[in-house]
PDB file of all heavy atoms in Angstrom:
ATOM      1  N   THR A   1     -21.879  31.224 -32.373  1.00  0.00           N
ATOM      2  CA  THR A   1     -22.731  32.279 -31.856  1.00  0.00           C
ATOM      3  C   THR A   1     -24.115  32.162 -32.507  1.00  0.00           C
ATOM      4  O   THR A   1     -24.275  31.620 -33.592  1.00  0.00           O
ATOM      5  CB  THR A   1     -22.134  33.656 -32.162  1.00  0.00           C
ATOM      6  OG1 THR A   1     -21.949  33.752 -33.571  1.00  0.00           O
ATOM      7  CG2 THR A   1     -20.794  33.825 -31.483  1.00  0.00           C
ATOM      8  N   LEU A   2     -25.074  32.706 -31.798  1.00  0.00           N
ATOM      9  CA  LEU A   2     -26.476  32.490 -32.214  1.00  0.00           C
ATOM     10  C   LEU A   2     -27.127  33.713 -32.843  1.00  0.00           C
ATOM     11  O   LEU A   2     -28.357  33.702 -33.010  1.00  0.00           O
ATOM     12  CB  LEU A   2     -27.285  32.040 -30.960  1.00  0.00           C
ATOM     13  CG  LEU A   2     -26.814  30.736 -30.338  1.00  0.00           C
ATOM     14  CD1 LEU A   2     -27.549  30.494 -29.047  1.00  0.00           C
ATOM     15  CD2 LEU A   2     -27.001  29.566 -31.294  1.00  0.00           C
ATOM     16  N   SER A   3     -26.358  34.677 -33.214  1.00  0.00           N
ATOM     17  CA  SER A   3     -26.913  35.960 -33.676  1.00  0.00           C
ATOM     18  C   SER A   3     -27.762  35.779 -34.942  1.00  0.00           C
ATOM     19  O   SER A   3     -28.628  36.590 -35.228  1.00  0.00           O
ATOM     20  CB  SER A   3     -25.802  36.957 -33.934  1.00  0.00           C
ATOM     21  OG  SER A   3     -24.862  36.444 -34.848  1.00  0.00           O
ATOM     22  N   SER A   4     -27.508  34.708 -35.694  1.00  0.00           N
ATOM     23  CA  SER A   4     -28.272  34.479 -36.939  1.00  0.00           C
ATOM     24  C   SER A   4     -29.221  33.291 -36.773  1.00  0.00           C
ATOM     25  O   SER A   4     -29.592  32.673 -37.773  1.00  0.00           O
ATOM     26  CB  SER A   4     -27.341  34.242 -38.095  1.00  0.00           C
ATOM     27  OG  SER A   4     -26.519  33.129 -37.850  1.00  0.00           O
ATOM     28  N   PHE A   5     -29.628  33.001 -35.553  1.00  0.00           N
ATOM     29  CA  PHE A   5     -30.477  31.900 -35.272  1.00  0.00           C
ATOM     30  C   PHE A   5     -31.802  32.342 -34.622  1.00  0.00           C
ATOM     31  O   PHE A   5     -31.879  33.397 -34.030  1.00  0.00           O
ATOM     32  CB  PHE A   5     -29.805  30.894 -34.339  1.00  0.00           C
ATOM     33  CG  PHE A   5     -28.790  29.981 -35.051  1.00  0.00           C
ATOM     34  CD1 PHE A   5     -27.595  30.501 -35.493  1.00  0.00           C
ATOM     35  CD2 PHE A   5     -29.066  28.671 -35.247  1.00  0.00           C
ATOM     36  CE1 PHE A   5     -26.643  29.691 -36.143  1.00  0.00           C
ATOM     37  CE2 PHE A   5     -28.166  27.832 -35.884  1.00  0.00           C
ATOM     38  CZ  PHE A   5     -26.959  28.349 -36.323  1.00  0.00           C
ATOM     39  N   VAL A   6     -32.768  31.447 -34.730  1.00  0.00           N
ATOM     40  CA  VAL A   6     -33.928  31.507 -33.875  1.00  0.00           C
ATOM     41  C   VAL A   6     -33.943  30.246 -33.029  1.00  0.00           C
ATOM     42  O   VAL A   6     -33.438  29.227 -33.458  1.00  0.00           O
ATOM     43  CB  VAL A   6     -35.263  31.620 -34.671  1.00  0.00           C
ATOM     44  CG1 VAL A   6     -35.286  32.933 -35.458  1.00  0.00           C
ATOM     45  CG2 VAL A   6     -35.459  30.445 -35.596  1.00  0.00           C
ATOM     46  N   MET A   7     -34.507  30.367 -31.853  1.00  0.00           N
ATOM     47  CA  MET A   7     -34.547  29.238 -30.947  1.00  0.00           C
ATOM     48  C   MET A   7     -35.968  29.074 -30.371  1.00  0.00           C
ATOM     49  O   MET A   7     -36.729  30.030 -30.339  1.00  0.00           O
ATOM     50  CB  MET A   7     -33.541  29.401 -29.806  1.00  0.00           C
ATOM     51  CG  MET A   7     -32.119  29.427 -30.298  1.00  0.00           C
ATOM     52  SD  MET A   7     -30.926  29.431 -28.943  1.00  0.00           S
ATOM     53  CE  MET A   7     -31.142  27.777 -28.288  1.00  0.00           C
ATOM     54  N   ALA A   8     -36.240  27.872 -29.934  1.00  0.00           N
ATOM     55  CA  ALA A   8     -37.591  27.589 -29.450  1.00  0.00           C
ATOM     56  C   ALA A   8     -37.564  26.502 -28.399  1.00  0.00           C
ATOM     57  O   ALA A   8     -36.612  25.758 -28.277  1.00  0.00           O
ATOM     58  CB  ALA A   8     -38.475  27.155 -30.616  1.00  0.00           C
ATOM     59  N   TRP A   9     -38.663  26.466 -27.660  1.00  0.00           N
ATOM     60  CA  TRP A   9     -38.946  25.354 -26.778  1.00  0.00           C
ATOM     61  C   TRP A   9     -40.140  24.585 -27.343  1.00  0.00           C
ATOM     62  O   TRP A   9     -41.143  25.181 -27.749  1.00  0.00           O
ATOM     63  CB  TRP A   9     -39.293  25.875 -25.369  1.00  0.00           C
ATOM     64  CG  TRP A   9     -38.138  26.433 -24.617  1.00  0.00           C
ATOM     65  CD1 TRP A   9     -37.790  27.758 -24.532  1.00  0.00           C
ATOM     66  CD2 TRP A   9     -37.160  25.731 -23.872  1.00  0.00           C
ATOM     67  NE1 TRP A   9     -36.665  27.904 -23.778  1.00  0.00           N
ATOM     68  CE2 TRP A   9     -36.279  26.665 -23.343  1.00  0.00           C
ATOM     69  CE3 TRP A   9     -36.973  24.362 -23.573  1.00  0.00           C
ATOM     70  CZ2 TRP A   9     -35.173  26.295 -22.545  1.00  0.00           C
ATOM     71  CZ3 TRP A   9     -35.895  23.991 -22.770  1.00  0.00           C
ATOM     72  CH2 TRP A   9     -35.002  24.965 -22.267  1.00  0.00           C
ATOM     73  N   PHE A  10     -39.994  23.285 -27.326  1.00  0.00           N
ATOM     74  CA  PHE A  10     -41.083  22.373 -27.667  1.00  0.00           C
ATOM     75  C   PHE A  10     -41.291  21.434 -26.499  1.00  0.00           C
ATOM     76  O   PHE A  10     -40.397  21.287 -25.641  1.00  0.00           O
ATOM     77  CB  PHE A  10     -40.758  21.561 -28.928  1.00  0.00           C
ATOM     78  CG  PHE A  10     -40.762  22.358 -30.196  1.00  0.00           C
ATOM     79  CD1 PHE A  10     -39.668  23.118 -30.574  1.00  0.00           C
ATOM     80  CD2 PHE A  10     -41.886  22.349 -31.030  1.00  0.00           C
ATOM     81  CE1 PHE A  10     -39.696  23.861 -31.763  1.00  0.00           C
ATOM     82  CE2 PHE A  10     -41.918  23.090 -32.195  1.00  0.00           C
ATOM     83  CZ  PHE A  10     -40.821  23.823 -32.548  1.00  0.00           C
ATOM     84  N   ARG A  11     -42.423  20.754 -26.480  1.00  0.00           N
ATOM     85  CA  ARG A  11     -42.630  19.744 -25.461  1.00  0.00           C
ATOM     86  C   ARG A  11     -43.361  18.556 -26.075  1.00  0.00           C
ATOM     87  O   ARG A  11     -44.056  18.696 -27.093  1.00  0.00           O
ATOM     88  CB  ARG A  11     -43.411  20.286 -24.259  1.00  0.00           C
ATOM     89  CG  ARG A  11     -44.838  20.750 -24.572  1.00  0.00           C
ATOM     90  CD  ARG A  11     -45.438  21.473 -23.364  1.00  0.00           C
ATOM     91  NE  ARG A  11     -46.794  21.919 -23.595  1.00  0.00           N
ATOM     92  CZ  ARG A  11     -47.505  22.674 -22.756  1.00  0.00           C
ATOM     93  NH1 ARG A  11     -46.961  23.092 -21.612  1.00  0.00           N
ATOM     94  NH2 ARG A  11     -48.747  23.008 -23.057  1.00  0.00           N
ATOM     95  N   GLN A  12     -43.198  17.430 -25.441  1.00  0.00           N
ATOM     96  CA  GLN A  12     -43.800  16.222 -25.986  1.00  0.00           C
ATOM     97  C   GLN A  12     -44.195  15.263 -24.845  1.00  0.00           C
ATOM     98  O   GLN A  12     -43.441  15.056 -23.917  1.00  0.00           O
ATOM     99  CB  GLN A  12     -42.811  15.520 -26.927  1.00  0.00           C
ATOM    100  CG  GLN A  12     -43.419  14.394 -27.742  1.00  0.00           C
ATOM    101  CD  GLN A  12     -42.498  13.933 -28.840  1.00  0.00           C
ATOM    102  OE1 GLN A  12     -41.272  14.061 -28.761  1.00  0.00           O
ATOM    103  NE2 GLN A  12     -43.060  13.345 -29.875  1.00  0.00           N
ATOM    104  N   VAL A  13     -45.377  14.695 -25.008  1.00  0.00           N
ATOM    105  CA  VAL A  13     -45.811  13.624 -24.106  1.00  0.00           C
ATOM    106  C   VAL A  13     -45.922  12.370 -24.930  1.00  0.00           C
ATOM    107  O   VAL A  13     -46.109  12.419 -26.165  1.00  0.00           O
ATOM    108  CB  VAL A  13     -47.155  13.944 -23.447  1.00  0.00           C
ATOM    109  CG1 VAL A  13     -47.017  15.182 -22.552  1.00  0.00           C
ATOM    110  CG2 VAL A  13     -48.259  14.177 -24.469  1.00  0.00           C
ATOM    111  N   PRO A  14     -45.801  11.214 -24.279  1.00  0.00           N
ATOM    112  CA  PRO A  14     -45.842   9.940 -25.036  1.00  0.00           C
ATOM    113  C   PRO A  14     -47.114   9.802 -25.887  1.00  0.00           C
ATOM    114  O   PRO A  14     -48.207  10.100 -25.394  1.00  0.00           O
ATOM    115  CB  PRO A  14     -45.767   8.889 -23.960  1.00  0.00           C
ATOM    116  CG  PRO A  14     -45.084   9.541 -22.826  1.00  0.00           C
ATOM    117  CD  PRO A  14     -45.525  10.981 -22.860  1.00  0.00           C
ATOM    118  N   GLY A  15     -46.915   9.411 -27.119  1.00  0.00           N
ATOM    119  CA  GLY A  15     -48.048   9.178 -27.998  1.00  0.00           C
ATOM    120  C   GLY A  15     -48.572  10.408 -28.708  1.00  0.00           C
ATOM    121  O   GLY A  15     -49.495  10.325 -29.497  1.00  0.00           O
ATOM    122  N   LYS A  16     -47.955  11.561 -28.433  1.00  0.00           N
ATOM    123  CA  LYS A  16     -48.399  12.813 -29.075  1.00  0.00           C
ATOM    124  C   LYS A  16     -47.278  13.447 -29.847  1.00  0.00           C
ATOM    125  O   LYS A  16     -46.085  13.183 -29.583  1.00  0.00           O
ATOM    126  CB  LYS A  16     -48.983  13.796 -28.059  1.00  0.00           C
ATOM    127  CG  LYS A  16     -50.286  13.330 -27.425  1.00  0.00           C
ATOM    128  CD  LYS A  16     -50.902  14.433 -26.635  1.00  0.00           C
ATOM    129  CE  LYS A  16     -52.268  14.038 -26.090  1.00  0.00           C
ATOM    130  NZ  LYS A  16     -52.892  15.167 -25.329  1.00  0.00           N
ATOM    131  N   GLU A  17     -47.628  14.329 -30.776  1.00  0.00           N
ATOM    132  CA  GLU A  17     -46.604  15.033 -31.543  1.00  0.00           C
ATOM    133  C   GLU A  17     -45.950  16.085 -30.644  1.00  0.00           C
ATOM    134  O   GLU A  17     -46.511  16.562 -29.660  1.00  0.00           O
ATOM    135  CB  GLU A  17     -47.241  15.693 -32.771  1.00  0.00           C
ATOM    136  CG  GLU A  17     -47.720  14.720 -33.804  1.00  0.00           C
ATOM    137  CD  GLU A  17     -48.170  15.422 -35.079  1.00  0.00           C
ATOM    138  OE1 GLU A  17     -48.183  16.672 -35.115  1.00  0.00           O
ATOM    139  OE2 GLU A  17     -48.540  14.712 -36.029  1.00  0.00           O
ATOM    140  N   ARG A  18     -44.742  16.459 -31.070  1.00  0.00           N
ATOM    141  CA  ARG A  18     -44.050  17.513 -30.384  1.00  0.00           C
ATOM    142  C   ARG A  18     -44.809  18.825 -30.577  1.00  0.00           C
ATOM    143  O   ARG A  18     -45.230  19.167 -31.663  1.00  0.00           O
ATOM    144  CB  ARG A  18     -42.622  17.626 -30.945  1.00  0.00           C
ATOM    145  CG  ARG A  18     -41.634  18.297 -30.035  1.00  0.00           C
ATOM    146  CD  ARG A  18     -40.219  17.943 -30.440  1.00  0.00           C
ATOM    147  NE  ARG A  18     -39.876  16.563 -30.069  1.00  0.00           N
ATOM    148  CZ  ARG A  18     -38.641  16.082 -30.154  1.00  0.00           C
ATOM    149  NH1 ARG A  18     -37.653  16.859 -30.563  1.00  0.00           N
ATOM    150  NH2 ARG A  18     -38.394  14.835 -29.813  1.00  0.00           N
ATOM    151  N   GLU A  19     -44.993  19.542 -29.455  1.00  0.00           N
ATOM    152  CA  GLU A  19     -45.842  20.738 -29.436  1.00  0.00           C
ATOM    153  C   GLU A  19     -44.992  21.991 -29.220  1.00  0.00           C
ATOM    154  O   GLU A  19     -44.130  22.030 -28.336  1.00  0.00           O
ATOM    155  CB  GLU A  19     -46.850  20.614 -28.285  1.00  0.00           C
ATOM    156  CG  GLU A  19     -47.731  21.800 -28.061  1.00  0.00           C
ATOM    157  CD  GLU A  19     -48.535  21.717 -26.787  1.00  0.00           C
ATOM    158  OE1 GLU A  19     -48.146  20.936 -25.883  1.00  0.00           O
ATOM    159  OE2 GLU A  19     -49.559  22.432 -26.674  1.00  0.00           O
ATOM    160  N   PHE A  20     -45.258  23.016 -29.989  1.00  0.00           N
ATOM    161  CA  PHE A  20     -44.600  24.302 -29.847  1.00  0.00           C
ATOM    162  C   PHE A  20     -44.983  24.951 -28.525  1.00  0.00           C
ATOM    163  O   PHE A  20     -46.168  24.961 -28.166  1.00  0.00           O
ATOM    164  CB  PHE A  20     -44.956  25.199 -31.014  1.00  0.00           C
ATOM    165  CG  PHE A  20     -44.502  26.648 -30.856  1.00  0.00           C
ATOM    166  CD1 PHE A  20     -43.181  26.955 -31.049  1.00  0.00           C
ATOM    167  CD2 PHE A  20     -45.394  27.602 -30.512  1.00  0.00           C
ATOM    168  CE1 PHE A  20     -42.750  28.261 -30.899  1.00  0.00           C
ATOM    169  CE2 PHE A  20     -44.982  28.928 -30.368  1.00  0.00           C
ATOM    170  CZ  PHE A  20     -43.646  29.260 -30.553  1.00  0.00           C
ATOM    171  N   VAL A  21     -43.994  25.513 -27.839  1.00  0.00           N
ATOM    172  CA  VAL A  21     -44.238  26.211 -26.580  1.00  0.00           C
ATOM    173  C   VAL A  21     -43.952  27.699 -26.697  1.00  0.00           C
ATOM    174  O   VAL A  21     -44.789  28.522 -26.377  1.00  0.00           O
ATOM    175  CB  VAL A  21     -43.345  25.598 -25.441  1.00  0.00           C
ATOM    176  CG1 VAL A  21     -43.482  26.406 -24.157  1.00  0.00           C
ATOM    177  CG2 VAL A  21     -43.727  24.149 -25.216  1.00  0.00           C
ATOM    178  N   ALA A  22     -42.757  28.043 -27.161  1.00  0.00           N
ATOM    179  CA  ALA A  22     -42.356  29.443 -27.274  1.00  0.00           C
ATOM    180  C   ALA A  22     -41.135  29.522 -28.178  1.00  0.00           C
ATOM    181  O   ALA A  22     -40.415  28.554 -28.324  1.00  0.00           O
ATOM    182  CB  ALA A  22     -42.069  30.035 -25.907  1.00  0.00           C
ATOM    183  N   ALA A  23     -40.914  30.704 -28.726  1.00  0.00           N
ATOM    184  CA  ALA A  23     -39.778  30.913 -29.606  1.00  0.00           C
ATOM    185  C   ALA A  23     -39.214  32.305 -29.385  1.00  0.00           C
ATOM    186  O   ALA A  23     -39.914  33.215 -28.950  1.00  0.00           O
ATOM    187  CB  ALA A  23     -40.158  30.699 -31.073  1.00  0.00           C
ATOM    188  N   ILE A  24     -37.949  32.445 -29.764  1.00  0.00           N
ATOM    189  CA  ILE A  24     -37.291  33.745 -29.633  1.00  0.00           C
ATOM    190  C   ILE A  24     -36.326  33.937 -30.815  1.00  0.00           C
ATOM    191  O   ILE A  24     -35.626  33.004 -31.203  1.00  0.00           O
ATOM    192  CB  ILE A  24     -36.542  33.872 -28.270  1.00  0.00           C
ATOM    193  CG1 ILE A  24     -36.013  35.275 -28.056  1.00  0.00           C
ATOM    194  CG2 ILE A  24     -35.454  32.828 -28.138  1.00  0.00           C
ATOM    195  CD1 ILE A  24     -35.584  35.552 -26.612  1.00  0.00           C
ATOM    196  N   ARG A  25     -36.306  35.117 -31.362  1.00  0.00           N
ATOM    197  CA  ARG A  25     -35.378  35.475 -32.406  1.00  0.00           C
ATOM    198  C   ARG A  25     -34.139  36.031 -31.688  1.00  0.00           C
ATOM    199  O   ARG A  25     -34.265  37.018 -30.964  1.00  0.00           O
ATOM    200  CB  ARG A  25     -36.000  36.471 -33.369  1.00  0.00           C
ATOM    201  CG  ARG A  25     -35.086  36.995 -34.452  1.00  0.00           C
ATOM    202  CD  ARG A  25     -35.892  37.647 -35.541  1.00  0.00           C
ATOM    203  NE  ARG A  25     -36.167  36.702 -36.619  1.00  0.00           N
ATOM    204  CZ  ARG A  25     -37.315  36.614 -37.274  1.00  0.00           C
ATOM    205  NH1 ARG A  25     -38.323  37.394 -36.961  1.00  0.00           N
ATOM    206  NH2 ARG A  25     -37.481  35.761 -38.243  1.00  0.00           N
ATOM    207  N   TRP A  26     -33.004  35.362 -31.872  1.00  0.00           N
ATOM    208  CA  TRP A  26     -31.838  35.747 -31.074  1.00  0.00           C
ATOM    209  C   TRP A  26     -31.435  37.210 -31.330  1.00  0.00           C
ATOM    210  O   TRP A  26     -31.136  37.931 -30.382  1.00  0.00           O
ATOM    211  CB  TRP A  26     -30.635  34.832 -31.400  1.00  0.00           C
ATOM    212  CG  TRP A  26     -29.648  34.840 -30.271  1.00  0.00           C
ATOM    213  CD1 TRP A  26     -28.545  35.621 -30.169  1.00  0.00           C
ATOM    214  CD2 TRP A  26     -29.718  34.008 -29.116  1.00  0.00           C
ATOM    215  NE1 TRP A  26     -27.903  35.318 -28.990  1.00  0.00           N
ATOM    216  CE2 TRP A  26     -28.593  34.345 -28.319  1.00  0.00           C
ATOM    217  CE3 TRP A  26     -30.598  33.050 -28.653  1.00  0.00           C
ATOM    218  CZ2 TRP A  26     -28.318  33.734 -27.127  1.00  0.00           C
ATOM    219  CZ3 TRP A  26     -30.333  32.426 -27.439  1.00  0.00           C
ATOM    220  CH2 TRP A  26     -29.213  32.778 -26.693  1.00  0.00           C
ATOM    221  N   SER A  27     -31.476  37.644 -32.571  1.00  0.00           N
ATOM    222  CA  SER A  27     -31.171  39.019 -32.887  1.00  0.00           C
ATOM    223  C   SER A  27     -32.411  39.881 -32.658  1.00  0.00           C
ATOM    224  O   SER A  27     -33.390  39.711 -33.382  1.00  0.00           O
ATOM    225  CB  SER A  27     -30.704  39.117 -34.338  1.00  0.00           C
ATOM    226  OG  SER A  27     -30.482  40.467 -34.683  1.00  0.00           O
ATOM    227  N   GLY A  28     -32.372  40.691 -31.667  1.00  0.00           N
ATOM    228  CA  GLY A  28     -33.523  41.545 -31.375  1.00  0.00           C
ATOM    229  C   GLY A  28     -34.367  41.051 -30.235  1.00  0.00           C
ATOM    230  O   GLY A  28     -35.002  41.824 -29.529  1.00  0.00           O
ATOM    231  N   GLY A  29     -34.428  39.749 -30.023  1.00  0.00           N
ATOM    232  CA  GLY A  29     -35.119  39.166 -28.864  1.00  0.00           C
ATOM    233  C   GLY A  29     -36.632  39.118 -28.959  1.00  0.00           C
ATOM    234  O   GLY A  29     -37.305  38.913 -27.931  1.00  0.00           O
ATOM    235  N   SER A  30     -37.221  39.247 -30.135  1.00  0.00           N
ATOM    236  CA  SER A  30     -38.675  39.151 -30.244  1.00  0.00           C
ATOM    237  C   SER A  30     -39.134  37.751 -29.887  1.00  0.00           C
ATOM    238  O   SER A  30     -38.457  36.755 -30.185  1.00  0.00           O
ATOM    239  CB  SER A  30     -39.128  39.521 -31.633  1.00  0.00           C
ATOM    240  OG  SER A  30     -38.477  38.750 -32.612  1.00  0.00           O
ATOM    241  N   THR A  31     -40.262  37.663 -29.209  1.00  0.00           N
ATOM    242  CA  THR A  31     -40.730  36.392 -28.667  1.00  0.00           C
ATOM    243  C   THR A  31     -42.154  36.050 -29.137  1.00  0.00           C
ATOM    244  O   THR A  31     -42.923  36.918 -29.503  1.00  0.00           O
ATOM    245  CB  THR A  31     -40.741  36.459 -27.120  1.00  0.00           C
ATOM    246  OG1 THR A  31     -41.590  37.507 -26.701  1.00  0.00           O
ATOM    247  CG2 THR A  31     -39.318  36.651 -26.579  1.00  0.00           C
ATOM    248  N   TYR A  32     -42.436  34.754 -29.107  1.00  0.00           N
ATOM    249  CA  TYR A  32     -43.724  34.234 -29.572  1.00  0.00           C
ATOM    250  C   TYR A  32     -44.124  33.076 -28.666  1.00  0.00           C
ATOM    251  O   TYR A  32     -43.242  32.308 -28.213  1.00  0.00           O
ATOM    252  CB  TYR A  32     -43.626  33.765 -31.011  1.00  0.00           C
ATOM    253  CG  TYR A  32     -43.045  34.827 -31.902  1.00  0.00           C
ATOM    254  CD1 TYR A  32     -41.680  34.907 -32.139  1.00  0.00           C
ATOM    255  CD2 TYR A  32     -43.872  35.762 -32.514  1.00  0.00           C
ATOM    256  CE1 TYR A  32     -41.160  35.910 -32.928  1.00  0.00           C
ATOM    257  CE2 TYR A  32     -43.370  36.762 -33.314  1.00  0.00           C
ATOM    258  CZ  TYR A  32     -41.996  36.832 -33.539  1.00  0.00           C
ATOM    259  OH  TYR A  32     -41.464  37.818 -34.305  1.00  0.00           O
ATOM    260  N   TYR A  33     -45.411  32.918 -28.447  1.00  0.00           N
ATOM    261  CA  TYR A  33     -45.881  31.886 -27.519  1.00  0.00           C
ATOM    262  C   TYR A  33     -47.074  31.122 -28.092  1.00  0.00           C
ATOM    263  O   TYR A  33     -47.888  31.679 -28.819  1.00  0.00           O
ATOM    264  CB  TYR A  33     -46.311  32.534 -26.190  1.00  0.00           C
ATOM    265  CG  TYR A  33     -45.191  33.208 -25.454  1.00  0.00           C
ATOM    266  CD1 TYR A  33     -44.900  34.553 -25.647  1.00  0.00           C
ATOM    267  CD2 TYR A  33     -44.410  32.478 -24.577  1.00  0.00           C
ATOM    268  CE1 TYR A  33     -43.845  35.164 -25.003  1.00  0.00           C
ATOM    269  CE2 TYR A  33     -43.355  33.087 -23.887  1.00  0.00           C
ATOM    270  CZ  TYR A  33     -43.086  34.418 -24.108  1.00  0.00           C
ATOM    271  OH  TYR A  33     -42.039  35.021 -23.442  1.00  0.00           O
ATOM    272  N   ALA A  34     -47.167  29.882 -27.689  1.00  0.00           N
ATOM    273  CA  ALA A  34     -48.398  29.142 -27.932  1.00  0.00           C
ATOM    274  C   ALA A  34     -49.496  29.687 -27.069  1.00  0.00           C
ATOM    275  O   ALA A  34     -49.233  30.246 -25.988  1.00  0.00           O
ATOM    276  CB  ALA A  34     -48.172  27.659 -27.610  1.00  0.00           C
ATOM    277  N   ASP A  35     -50.731  29.566 -27.528  1.00  0.00           N
ATOM    278  CA  ASP A  35     -51.857  30.093 -26.747  1.00  0.00           C
ATOM    279  C   ASP A  35     -51.902  29.458 -25.349  1.00  0.00           C
ATOM    280  O   ASP A  35     -52.283  30.123 -24.378  1.00  0.00           O
ATOM    281  CB  ASP A  35     -53.162  29.835 -27.486  1.00  0.00           C
ATOM    282  CG  ASP A  35     -53.325  30.732 -28.690  1.00  0.00           C
ATOM    283  OD1 ASP A  35     -52.608  31.745 -28.794  1.00  0.00           O
ATOM    284  OD2 ASP A  35     -54.161  30.394 -29.561  1.00  0.00           O
TER     285      ASP A  35
END
């Protein structure tokens, strides 16, 4: 179960570093986004 986890989406294009897209705290559901 994920109640004690945070999860996120990242994305990557060839030749570049993995980029943060969005995240969510599983407990409570608070969310965060890249600009």
